[in-house]
Amino acid sequence: KMISDELIKAIEDSKFYIIVFSKNYASSSWCLEELVKIMECRKGFAHTSYPVFYDVEPTEVRKQTGSVGDAFAKHKDGEAARKWREALKEASDLAGWELKNTFDG
């Protein structure tokens, strides 16, 4: 399904984005569509994005390998997958935070 117009407007109206990548992030087409929109706004409107890598390595997100690759593998739409891959790579190249093996928050 397509993300709602209200969510797109909220993304456009935001100036800062915190993107939390997890092991299952790439399994959600909604999350991936939001990420594409965030990356578009980042470029077009100079909004600021900060990625957080929650128990995943930035390289797993960048290259869609490991648990991120496993989650991404379920997507079949070639054109959508292409833009999602580009957005994942672009976002994972940004400076952010790595939270590895966190315990109790």
PDB file of N, CA and C in Angstrom:
ATOM      1  N   LYS A   1       0.840  -1.185   0.000  1.00  0.00           N
ATOM      2  CA  LYS A   1       0.000   0.000   0.000  1.00  0.00           C
ATOM      3  C   LYS A   1       0.880   1.241   0.000  1.00  0.00           C
ATOM      4  N   MET A   2       0.319   2.329  -0.460  1.00  0.00           N
ATOM      5  CA  MET A   2       1.042   3.600  -0.495  1.00  0.00           C
ATOM      6  C   MET A   2       0.959   4.286   0.870  1.00  0.00           C
ATOM      7  N   ILE A   3       2.013   5.022   1.211  1.00  0.00           N
ATOM      8  CA  ILE A   3       1.942   5.770   2.462  1.00  0.00           C
ATOM      9  C   ILE A   3       0.952   6.911   2.298  1.00  0.00           C
ATOM     10  N   SER A   4       0.345   7.298   3.400  1.00  0.00           N
ATOM     11  CA  SER A   4      -0.736   8.278   3.335  1.00  0.00           C
ATOM     12  C   SER A   4      -0.220   9.680   3.041  1.00  0.00           C
ATOM     13  N   ASP A   5      -1.113  10.501   2.508  1.00  0.00           N
ATOM     14  CA  ASP A   5      -0.781  11.896   2.207  1.00  0.00           C
ATOM     15  C   ASP A   5      -0.409  12.666   3.467  1.00  0.00           C
ATOM     16  N   GLU A   6      -1.062  12.332   4.590  1.00  0.00           N
ATOM     17  CA  GLU A   6      -0.764  13.014   5.848  1.00  0.00           C
ATOM     18  C   GLU A   6       0.670  12.737   6.288  1.00  0.00           C
ATOM     19  N   LEU A   7       1.095  11.501   6.116  1.00  0.00           N
ATOM     20  CA  LEU A   7       2.468  11.142   6.495  1.00  0.00           C
ATOM     21  C   LEU A   7       3.481  11.815   5.576  1.00  0.00           C
ATOM     22  N   ILE A   8       3.190  11.868   4.305  1.00  0.00           N
ATOM     23  CA  ILE A   8       4.074  12.560   3.363  1.00  0.00           C
ATOM     24  C   ILE A   8       4.186  14.030   3.742  1.00  0.00           C
ATOM     25  N   LYS A   9       3.058  14.654   4.062  1.00  0.00           N
ATOM     26  CA  LYS A   9       3.076  16.066   4.464  1.00  0.00           C
ATOM     27  C   LYS A   9       3.883  16.255   5.743  1.00  0.00           C
ATOM     28  N   ALA A  10       3.726  15.352   6.699  1.00  0.00           N
ATOM     29  CA  ALA A  10       4.479  15.446   7.956  1.00  0.00           C
ATOM     30  C   ALA A  10       5.977  15.334   7.698  1.00  0.00           C
ATOM     31  N   ILE A  11       6.372  14.451   6.797  1.00  0.00           N
ATOM     32  CA  ILE A  11       7.786  14.316   6.442  1.00  0.00           C
ATOM     33  C   ILE A  11       8.278  15.605   5.785  1.00  0.00           C
ATOM     34  N   GLU A  12       7.494  16.138   4.866  1.00  0.00           N
ATOM     35  CA  GLU A  12       7.884  17.379   4.177  1.00  0.00           C
ATOM     36  C   GLU A  12       7.991  18.555   5.141  1.00  0.00           C
ATOM     37  N   ASP A  13       7.124  18.603   6.140  1.00  0.00           N
ATOM     38  CA  ASP A  13       7.109  19.716   7.086  1.00  0.00           C
ATOM     39  C   ASP A  13       8.193  19.613   8.158  1.00  0.00           C
ATOM     40  N   SER A  14       8.784  18.444   8.313  1.00  0.00           N
ATOM     41  CA  SER A  14       9.827  18.254   9.321  1.00  0.00           C
ATOM     42  C   SER A  14      11.152  18.812   8.827  1.00  0.00           C
ATOM     43  N   LYS A  15      11.959  19.264   9.741  1.00  0.00           N
ATOM     44  CA  LYS A  15      13.287  19.802   9.396  1.00  0.00           C
ATOM     45  C   LYS A  15      14.398  18.818   9.756  1.00  0.00           C
ATOM     46  N   PHE A  16      14.117  17.919  10.707  1.00  0.00           N
ATOM     47  CA  PHE A  16      15.085  16.936  11.172  1.00  0.00           C
ATOM     48  C   PHE A  16      14.448  15.553  11.130  1.00  0.00           C
ATOM     49  N   TYR A  17      15.258  14.568  10.785  1.00  0.00           N
ATOM     50  CA  TYR A  17      14.784  13.186  10.738  1.00  0.00           C
ATOM     51  C   TYR A  17      15.749  12.312  11.514  1.00  0.00           C
ATOM     52  N   ILE A  18      15.205  11.454  12.346  1.00  0.00           N
ATOM     53  CA  ILE A  18      15.992  10.426  13.012  1.00  0.00           C
ATOM     54  C   ILE A  18      15.490   9.106  12.452  1.00  0.00           C
ATOM     55  N   ILE A  19      16.365   8.418  11.749  1.00  0.00           N
ATOM     56  CA  ILE A  19      16.011   7.168  11.076  1.00  0.00           C
ATOM     57  C   ILE A  19      16.609   6.032  11.896  1.00  0.00           C
ATOM     58  N   VAL A  20      15.767   5.178  12.460  1.00  0.00           N
ATOM     59  CA  VAL A  20      16.245   4.075  13.285  1.00  0.00           C
ATOM     60  C   VAL A  20      16.218   2.801  12.456  1.00  0.00           C
ATOM     61  N   PHE A  21      17.406   2.351  12.068  1.00  0.00           N
ATOM     62  CA  PHE A  21      17.535   1.110  11.302  1.00  0.00           C
ATOM     63  C   PHE A  21      17.654  -0.059  12.276  1.00  0.00           C
ATOM     64  N   SER A  22      16.859  -1.082  12.051  1.00  0.00           N
ATOM     65  CA  SER A  22      16.913  -2.298  12.857  1.00  0.00           C
ATOM     66  C   SER A  22      17.043  -3.494  11.916  1.00  0.00           C
ATOM     67  N   LYS A  23      17.101  -4.669  12.483  1.00  0.00           N
ATOM     68  CA  LYS A  23      17.248  -5.877  11.674  1.00  0.00           C
ATOM     69  C   LYS A  23      16.080  -6.082  10.713  1.00  0.00           C
ATOM     70  N   ASN A  24      14.887  -5.660  11.106  1.00  0.00           N
ATOM     71  CA  ASN A  24      13.698  -5.879  10.282  1.00  0.00           C
ATOM     72  C   ASN A  24      13.233  -4.642   9.537  1.00  0.00           C
ATOM     73  N   TYR A  25      13.963  -3.545   9.644  1.00  0.00           N
ATOM     74  CA  TYR A  25      13.556  -2.286   9.016  1.00  0.00           C
ATOM     75  C   TYR A  25      13.244  -2.483   7.529  1.00  0.00           C
ATOM     76  N   ALA A  26      14.124  -3.173   6.823  1.00  0.00           N
ATOM     77  CA  ALA A  26      13.997  -3.315   5.372  1.00  0.00           C
ATOM     78  C   ALA A  26      12.872  -4.253   4.951  1.00  0.00           C
ATOM     79  N   SER A  27      12.224  -4.916   5.891  1.00  0.00           N
ATOM     80  CA  SER A  27      11.095  -5.781   5.520  1.00  0.00           C
ATOM     81  C   SER A  27       9.819  -4.975   5.321  1.00  0.00           C
ATOM     82  N   SER A  28       9.811  -3.735   5.792  1.00  0.00           N
ATOM     83  CA  SER A  28       8.614  -2.894   5.716  1.00  0.00           C
ATOM     84  C   SER A  28       8.663  -1.966   4.509  1.00  0.00           C
ATOM     85  N   SER A  29       7.760  -2.172   3.571  1.00  0.00           N
ATOM     86  CA  SER A  29       7.706  -1.276   2.413  1.00  0.00           C
ATOM     87  C   SER A  29       7.316   0.137   2.848  1.00  0.00           C
ATOM     88  N   TRP A  30       6.523   0.258   3.919  1.00  0.00           N
ATOM     89  CA  TRP A  30       6.169   1.584   4.441  1.00  0.00           C
ATOM     90  C   TRP A  30       7.419   2.324   4.912  1.00  0.00           C
ATOM     91  N   CYS A  31       8.245   1.643   5.713  1.00  0.00           N
ATOM     92  CA  CYS A  31       9.485   2.271   6.195  1.00  0.00           C
ATOM     93  C   CYS A  31      10.368   2.675   5.022  1.00  0.00           C
ATOM     94  N   LEU A  32      10.468   1.828   4.032  1.00  0.00           N
ATOM     95  CA  LEU A  32      11.321   2.113   2.881  1.00  0.00           C
ATOM     96  C   LEU A  32      10.771   3.281   2.065  1.00  0.00           C
ATOM     97  N   GLU A  33       9.461   3.357   1.900  1.00  0.00           N
ATOM     98  CA  GLU A  33       8.865   4.497   1.183  1.00  0.00           C
ATOM     99  C   GLU A  33       9.082   5.794   1.971  1.00  0.00           C
ATOM    100  N   GLU A  34       8.941   5.731   3.290  1.00  0.00           N
ATOM    101  CA  GLU A  34       9.210   6.904   4.123  1.00  0.00           C
ATOM    102  C   GLU A  34      10.668   7.334   3.966  1.00  0.00           C
ATOM    103  N   LEU A  35      11.568   6.369   3.946  1.00  0.00           N
ATOM    104  CA  LEU A  35      12.990   6.665   3.794  1.00  0.00           C
ATOM    105  C   LEU A  35      13.270   7.356   2.469  1.00  0.00           C
ATOM    106  N   VAL A  36      12.657   6.897   1.400  1.00  0.00           N
ATOM    107  CA  VAL A  36      12.823   7.536   0.093  1.00  0.00           C
ATOM    108  C   VAL A  36      12.370   8.995   0.179  1.00  0.00           C
ATOM    109  N   LYS A  37      11.222   9.234   0.802  1.00  0.00           N
ATOM    110  CA  LYS A  37      10.711  10.601   0.935  1.00  0.00           C
ATOM    111  C   LYS A  37      11.641  11.455   1.794  1.00  0.00           C
ATOM    112  N   ILE A  38      12.155  10.892   2.877  1.00  0.00           N
ATOM    113  CA  ILE A  38      13.100  11.608   3.738  1.00  0.00           C
ATOM    114  C   ILE A  38      14.345  11.994   2.952  1.00  0.00           C
ATOM    115  N   MET A  39      14.870  11.077   2.169  1.00  0.00           N
ATOM    116  CA  MET A  39      16.077  11.368   1.392  1.00  0.00           C
ATOM    117  C   MET A  39      15.801  12.425   0.323  1.00  0.00           C
ATOM    118  N   GLU A  40      14.602  12.417  -0.260  1.00  0.00           N
ATOM    119  CA  GLU A  40      14.222  13.456  -1.229  1.00  0.00           C
ATOM    120  C   GLU A  40      14.178  14.829  -0.551  1.00  0.00           C
ATOM    121  N   CYS A  41      13.562  14.894   0.628  1.00  0.00           N
ATOM    122  CA  CYS A  41      13.467  16.167   1.357  1.00  0.00           C
ATOM    123  C   CYS A  41      14.844  16.628   1.827  1.00  0.00           C
ATOM    124  N   ARG A  42      15.677  15.697   2.196  1.00  0.00           N
ATOM    125  CA  ARG A  42      17.034  16.034   2.628  1.00  0.00           C
ATOM    126  C   ARG A  42      17.787  16.743   1.510  1.00  0.00           C
ATOM    127  N   LYS A  43      17.656  16.215   0.302  1.00  0.00           N
ATOM    128  CA  LYS A  43      18.343  16.820  -0.847  1.00  0.00           C
ATOM    129  C   LYS A  43      17.647  18.100  -1.311  1.00  0.00           C
ATOM    130  N   GLY A  44      16.351  18.057  -1.442  1.00  0.00           N
ATOM    131  CA  GLY A  44      15.608  19.168  -2.016  1.00  0.00           C
ATOM    132  C   GLY A  44      15.448  20.372  -1.109  1.00  0.00           C
ATOM    133  N   PHE A  45      15.357  20.116   0.198  1.00  0.00           N
ATOM    134  CA  PHE A  45      15.088  21.210   1.130  1.00  0.00           C
ATOM    135  C   PHE A  45      16.185  21.386   2.168  1.00  0.00           C
ATOM    136  N   ALA A  46      17.283  20.655   2.013  1.00  0.00           N
ATOM    137  CA  ALA A  46      18.413  20.724   2.947  1.00  0.00           C
ATOM    138  C   ALA A  46      17.999  20.405   4.382  1.00  0.00           C
ATOM    139  N   HIS A  47      17.074  19.465   4.554  1.00  0.00           N
ATOM    140  CA  HIS A  47      16.701  19.010   5.889  1.00  0.00           C
ATOM    141  C   HIS A  47      17.807  18.097   6.413  1.00  0.00           C
ATOM    142  N   THR A  48      17.862  17.926   7.719  1.00  0.00           N
ATOM    143  CA  THR A  48      18.929  17.170   8.364  1.00  0.00           C
ATOM    144  C   THR A  48      18.439  15.778   8.756  1.00  0.00           C
ATOM    145  N   SER A  49      19.253  14.774   8.459  1.00  0.00           N
ATOM    146  CA  SER A  49      18.910  13.389   8.783  1.00  0.00           C
ATOM    147  C   SER A  49      20.010  12.760   9.626  1.00  0.00           C
ATOM    148  N   TYR A  50      19.600  12.025  10.657  1.00  0.00           N
ATOM    149  CA  TYR A  50      20.536  11.312  11.523  1.00  0.00           C
ATOM    150  C   TYR A  50      20.129   9.845  11.581  1.00  0.00           C
ATOM    151  N   PRO A  51      20.958   8.951  11.075  1.00  0.00           N
ATOM    152  CA  PRO A  51      20.631   7.532  11.198  1.00  0.00           C
ATOM    153  C   PRO A  51      21.096   6.963  12.540  1.00  0.00           C
ATOM    154  N   VAL A  52      20.308   6.047  13.064  1.00  0.00           N
ATOM    155  CA  VAL A  52      20.655   5.287  14.250  1.00  0.00           C
ATOM    156  C   VAL A  52      20.639   3.830  13.826  1.00  0.00           C
ATOM    157  N   PHE A  53      21.727   3.125  14.075  1.00  0.00           N
ATOM    158  CA  PHE A  53      21.840   1.722  13.685  1.00  0.00           C
ATOM    159  C   PHE A  53      21.669   0.881  14.944  1.00  0.00           C
ATOM    160  N   TYR A  54      20.468   0.336  15.109  1.00  0.00           N
ATOM    161  CA  TYR A  54      20.095  -0.413  16.301  1.00  0.00           C
ATOM    162  C   TYR A  54      20.340  -1.901  16.074  1.00  0.00           C
ATOM    163  N   ASP A  55      21.427  -2.384  16.623  1.00  0.00           N
ATOM    164  CA  ASP A  55      21.837  -3.794  16.493  1.00  0.00           C
ATOM    165  C   ASP A  55      22.045  -4.236  15.050  1.00  0.00           C
ATOM    166  N   VAL A  56      22.394  -3.307  14.173  1.00  0.00           N
ATOM    167  CA  VAL A  56      22.820  -3.618  12.807  1.00  0.00           C
ATOM    168  C   VAL A  56      24.030  -2.743  12.485  1.00  0.00           C
ATOM    169  N   GLU A  57      24.860  -3.226  11.608  1.00  0.00           N
ATOM    170  CA  GLU A  57      26.027  -2.469  11.163  1.00  0.00           C
ATOM    171  C   GLU A  57      25.620  -1.552  10.009  1.00  0.00           C
ATOM    172  N   PRO A  58      26.210  -0.372   9.928  1.00  0.00           N
ATOM    173  CA  PRO A  58      25.926   0.492   8.774  1.00  0.00           C
ATOM    174  C   PRO A  58      26.195  -0.199   7.437  1.00  0.00           C
ATOM    175  N   THR A  59      27.202  -1.059   7.386  1.00  0.00           N
ATOM    176  CA  THR A  59      27.496  -1.755   6.125  1.00  0.00           C
ATOM    177  C   THR A  59      26.389  -2.738   5.749  1.00  0.00           C
ATOM    178  N   GLU A  60      25.704  -3.313   6.744  1.00  0.00           N
ATOM    179  CA  GLU A  60      24.570  -4.199   6.449  1.00  0.00           C
ATOM    180  C   GLU A  60      23.441  -3.416   5.779  1.00  0.00           C
ATOM    181  N   VAL A  61      23.219  -2.201   6.255  1.00  0.00           N
ATOM    182  CA  VAL A  61      22.178  -1.353   5.671  1.00  0.00           C
ATOM    183  C   VAL A  61      22.627  -0.886   4.290  1.00  0.00           C
ATOM    184  N   ARG A  62      23.868  -0.432   4.188  1.00  0.00           N
ATOM    185  CA  ARG A  62      24.399   0.111   2.935  1.00  0.00           C
ATOM    186  C   ARG A  62      24.346  -0.921   1.812  1.00  0.00           C
ATOM    187  N   LYS A  63      24.722  -2.167   2.117  1.00  0.00           N
ATOM    188  CA  LYS A  63      24.821  -3.207   1.085  1.00  0.00           C
ATOM    189  C   LYS A  63      23.673  -4.211   1.117  1.00  0.00           C
ATOM    190  N   GLN A  64      22.732  -4.017   2.030  1.00  0.00           N
ATOM    191  CA  GLN A  64      21.615  -4.942   2.221  1.00  0.00           C
ATOM    192  C   GLN A  64      22.122  -6.384   2.354  1.00  0.00           C
ATOM    193  N   THR A  65      22.987  -6.579   3.348  1.00  0.00           N
ATOM    194  CA  THR A  65      23.518  -7.902   3.649  1.00  0.00           C
ATOM    195  C   THR A  65      23.097  -8.298   5.062  1.00  0.00           C
ATOM    196  N   GLY A  66      23.425  -9.510   5.459  1.00  0.00           N
ATOM    197  CA  GLY A  66      23.097  -9.979   6.802  1.00  0.00           C
ATOM    198  C   GLY A  66      21.603  -9.948   7.052  1.00  0.00           C
ATOM    199  N   SER A  67      21.228  -9.582   8.266  1.00  0.00           N
ATOM    200  CA  SER A  67      19.807  -9.564   8.633  1.00  0.00           C
ATOM    201  C   SER A  67      19.026  -8.533   7.818  1.00  0.00           C
ATOM    202  N   VAL A  68      19.649  -7.432   7.456  1.00  0.00           N
ATOM    203  CA  VAL A  68      18.980  -6.425   6.620  1.00  0.00           C
ATOM    204  C   VAL A  68      18.720  -6.997   5.228  1.00  0.00           C
ATOM    205  N   GLY A  69      19.699  -7.703   4.682  1.00  0.00           N
ATOM    206  CA  GLY A  69      19.531  -8.346   3.379  1.00  0.00           C
ATOM    207  C   GLY A  69      18.436  -9.396   3.395  1.00  0.00           C
ATOM    208  N   ASP A  70      18.372 -10.164   4.482  1.00  0.00           N
ATOM    209  CA  ASP A  70      17.317 -11.169   4.618  1.00  0.00           C
ATOM    210  C   ASP A  70      15.941 -10.507   4.632  1.00  0.00           C
ATOM    211  N   ALA A  71      15.820  -9.399   5.362  1.00  0.00           N
ATOM    212  CA  ALA A  71      14.545  -8.677   5.438  1.00  0.00           C
ATOM    213  C   ALA A  71      14.186  -8.060   4.089  1.00  0.00           C
ATOM    214  N   PHE A  72      15.179  -7.546   3.383  1.00  0.00           N
ATOM    215  CA  PHE A  72      14.949  -6.880   2.098  1.00  0.00           C
ATOM    216  C   PHE A  72      14.578  -7.881   1.001  1.00  0.00           C
ATOM    217  N   ALA A  73      15.018  -9.109   1.126  1.00  0.00           N
ATOM    218  CA  ALA A  73      14.853 -10.124   0.084  1.00  0.00           C
ATOM    219  C   ALA A  73      13.398 -10.420  -0.269  1.00  0.00           C
ATOM    220  N   LYS A  74      12.464 -10.124   0.619  1.00  0.00           N
ATOM    221  CA  LYS A  74      11.065 -10.451   0.343  1.00  0.00           C
ATOM    222  C   LYS A  74      10.416  -9.524  -0.679  1.00  0.00           C
ATOM    223  N   HIS A  75      11.055  -8.399  -0.987  1.00  0.00           N
ATOM    224  CA  HIS A  75      10.483  -7.445  -1.926  1.00  0.00           C
ATOM    225  C   HIS A  75      10.729  -7.887  -3.363  1.00  0.00           C
ATOM    226  N   LYS A  76       9.678  -7.889  -4.147  1.00  0.00           N
ATOM    227  CA  LYS A  76       9.759  -8.396  -5.522  1.00  0.00           C
ATOM    228  C   LYS A  76       9.736  -7.299  -6.578  1.00  0.00           C
ATOM    229  N   ASP A  77       9.156  -6.142  -6.265  1.00  0.00           N
ATOM    230  CA  ASP A  77       9.005  -5.054  -7.234  1.00  0.00           C
ATOM    231  C   ASP A  77      10.372  -4.467  -7.575  1.00  0.00           C
ATOM    232  N   GLY A  78      10.828  -4.684  -8.789  1.00  0.00           N
ATOM    233  CA  GLY A  78      12.163  -4.259  -9.206  1.00  0.00           C
ATOM    234  C   GLY A  78      12.391  -2.762  -9.142  1.00  0.00           C
ATOM    235  N   GLU A  79      11.450  -1.966  -9.631  1.00  0.00           N
ATOM    236  CA  GLU A  79      11.622  -0.505  -9.633  1.00  0.00           C
ATOM    237  C   GLU A  79      11.595   0.044  -8.213  1.00  0.00           C
ATOM    238  N   ALA A  80      10.660  -0.414  -7.404  1.00  0.00           N
ATOM    239  CA  ALA A  80      10.592   0.046  -6.012  1.00  0.00           C
ATOM    240  C   ALA A  80      11.848  -0.388  -5.261  1.00  0.00           C
ATOM    241  N   ALA A  81      12.277  -1.627  -5.466  1.00  0.00           N
ATOM    242  CA  ALA A  81      13.479  -2.125  -4.780  1.00  0.00           C
ATOM    243  C   ALA A  81      14.707  -1.312  -5.160  1.00  0.00           C
ATOM    244  N   ARG A  82      14.790  -0.872  -6.401  1.00  0.00           N
ATOM    245  CA  ARG A  82      15.932  -0.071  -6.841  1.00  0.00           C
ATOM    246  C   ARG A  82      16.000   1.245  -6.066  1.00  0.00           C
ATOM    247  N   LYS A  83      14.880   1.947  -5.963  1.00  0.00           N
ATOM    248  CA  LYS A  83      14.890   3.230  -5.255  1.00  0.00           C
ATOM    249  C   LYS A  83      15.087   3.030  -3.759  1.00  0.00           C
ATOM    250  N   TRP A  84      14.572   1.912  -3.216  1.00  0.00           N
ATOM    251  CA  TRP A  84      14.782   1.622  -1.801  1.00  0.00           C
ATOM    252  C   TRP A  84      16.251   1.343  -1.518  1.00  0.00           C
ATOM    253  N   ARG A  85      16.894   0.584  -2.415  1.00  0.00           N
ATOM    254  CA  ARG A  85      18.331   0.302  -2.249  1.00  0.00           C
ATOM    255  C   ARG A  85      19.147   1.594  -2.250  1.00  0.00           C
ATOM    256  N   GLU A  86      18.825   2.484  -3.166  1.00  0.00           N
ATOM    257  CA  GLU A  86      19.541   3.762  -3.247  1.00  0.00           C
ATOM    258  C   GLU A  86      19.341   4.580  -1.972  1.00  0.00           C
ATOM    259  N   ALA A  87      18.112   4.612  -1.469  1.00  0.00           N
ATOM    260  CA  ALA A  87      17.830   5.369  -0.245  1.00  0.00           C
ATOM    261  C   ALA A  87      18.541   4.751   0.956  1.00  0.00           C
ATOM    262  N   LEU A  88      18.560   3.426   1.053  1.00  0.00           N
ATOM    263  CA  LEU A  88      19.272   2.758   2.139  1.00  0.00           C
ATOM    264  C   LEU A  88      20.764   3.071   2.093  1.00  0.00           C
ATOM    265  N   LYS A  89      21.343   3.034   0.896  1.00  0.00           N
ATOM    266  CA  LYS A  89      22.767   3.331   0.758  1.00  0.00           C
ATOM    267  C   LYS A  89      23.053   4.778   1.140  1.00  0.00           C
ATOM    268  N   GLU A  90      22.251   5.691   0.622  1.00  0.00           N
ATOM    269  CA  GLU A  90      22.446   7.115   0.898  1.00  0.00           C
ATOM    270  C   GLU A  90      22.322   7.408   2.394  1.00  0.00           C
ATOM    271  N   ALA A  91      21.307   6.868   3.034  1.00  0.00           N
ATOM    272  CA  ALA A  91      21.089   7.121   4.458  1.00  0.00           C
ATOM    273  C   ALA A  91      22.189   6.501   5.315  1.00  0.00           C
ATOM    274  N   SER A  92      22.652   5.324   4.932  1.00  0.00           N
ATOM    275  CA  SER A  92      23.687   4.659   5.729  1.00  0.00           C
ATOM    276  C   SER A  92      25.056   5.313   5.568  1.00  0.00           C
ATOM    277  N   ASP A  93      25.226   6.139   4.559  1.00  0.00           N
ATOM    278  CA  ASP A  93      26.472   6.883   4.386  1.00  0.00           C
ATOM    279  C   ASP A  93      26.539   8.129   5.270  1.00  0.00           C
ATOM    280  N   LEU A  94      25.414   8.509   5.873  1.00  0.00           N
ATOM    281  CA  LEU A  94      25.384   9.692   6.734  1.00  0.00           C
ATOM    282  C   LEU A  94      26.010   9.383   8.092  1.00  0.00           C
ATOM    283  N   ALA A  95      26.546  10.407   8.718  1.00  0.00           N
ATOM    284  CA  ALA A  95      27.070  10.247  10.075  1.00  0.00           C
ATOM    285  C   ALA A  95      25.902  10.019  11.023  1.00  0.00           C
ATOM    286  N   GLY A  96      26.042   9.032  11.898  1.00  0.00           N
ATOM    287  CA  GLY A  96      24.968   8.722  12.831  1.00  0.00           C
ATOM    288  C   GLY A  96      25.505   7.993  14.042  1.00  0.00           C
ATOM    289  N   TRP A  97      24.628   7.219  14.679  1.00  0.00           N
ATOM    290  CA  TRP A  97      24.999   6.494  15.889  1.00  0.00           C
ATOM    291  C   TRP A  97      24.803   5.002  15.681  1.00  0.00           C
ATOM    292  N   GLU A  98      25.710   4.244  16.297  1.00  0.00           N
ATOM    293  CA  GLU A  98      25.593   2.786  16.291  1.00  0.00           C
ATOM    294  C   GLU A  98      25.297   2.313  17.706  1.00  0.00           C
ATOM    295  N   LEU A  99      24.188   1.605  17.857  1.00  0.00           N
ATOM    296  CA  LEU A  99      23.817   1.030  19.142  1.00  0.00           C
ATOM    297  C   LEU A  99      23.895  -0.481  18.990  1.00  0.00           C
ATOM    298  N   LYS A 100      24.985  -1.048  19.468  1.00  0.00           N
ATOM    299  CA  LYS A 100      25.228  -2.479  19.282  1.00  0.00           C
ATOM    300  C   LYS A 100      24.883  -3.253  20.535  1.00  0.00           C
ATOM    301  N   ASN A 101      24.208  -4.368  20.336  1.00  0.00           N
ATOM    302  CA  ASN A 101      23.912  -5.296  21.429  1.00  0.00           C
ATOM    303  C   ASN A 101      23.444  -4.580  22.683  1.00  0.00           C
ATOM    304  N   THR A 102      22.488  -3.711  22.531  1.00  0.00           N
ATOM    305  CA  THR A 102      21.999  -2.964  23.674  1.00  0.00           C
ATOM    306  C   THR A 102      21.228  -3.890  24.613  1.00  0.00           C
ATOM    307  N   PHE A 103      21.306  -3.593  25.871  1.00  0.00           N
ATOM    308  CA  PHE A 103      20.619  -4.396  26.874  1.00  0.00           C
ATOM    309  C   PHE A 103      19.832  -3.463  27.779  1.00  0.00           C
ATOM    310  N   ASP A 104      18.571  -3.736  27.934  1.00  0.00           N
ATOM    311  CA  ASP A 104      17.723  -2.965  28.844  1.00  0.00           C
ATOM    312  C   ASP A 104      17.710  -1.484  28.493  1.00  0.00           C
ATOM    313  N   GLY A 105      17.523  -1.178  27.214  1.00  0.00           N
ATOM    314  CA  GLY A 105      17.396   0.193  26.758  1.00  0.00           C
ATOM    315  C   GLY A 105      18.698   0.903  26.636  1.00  0.00           C
TER     316      GLY A 105
END
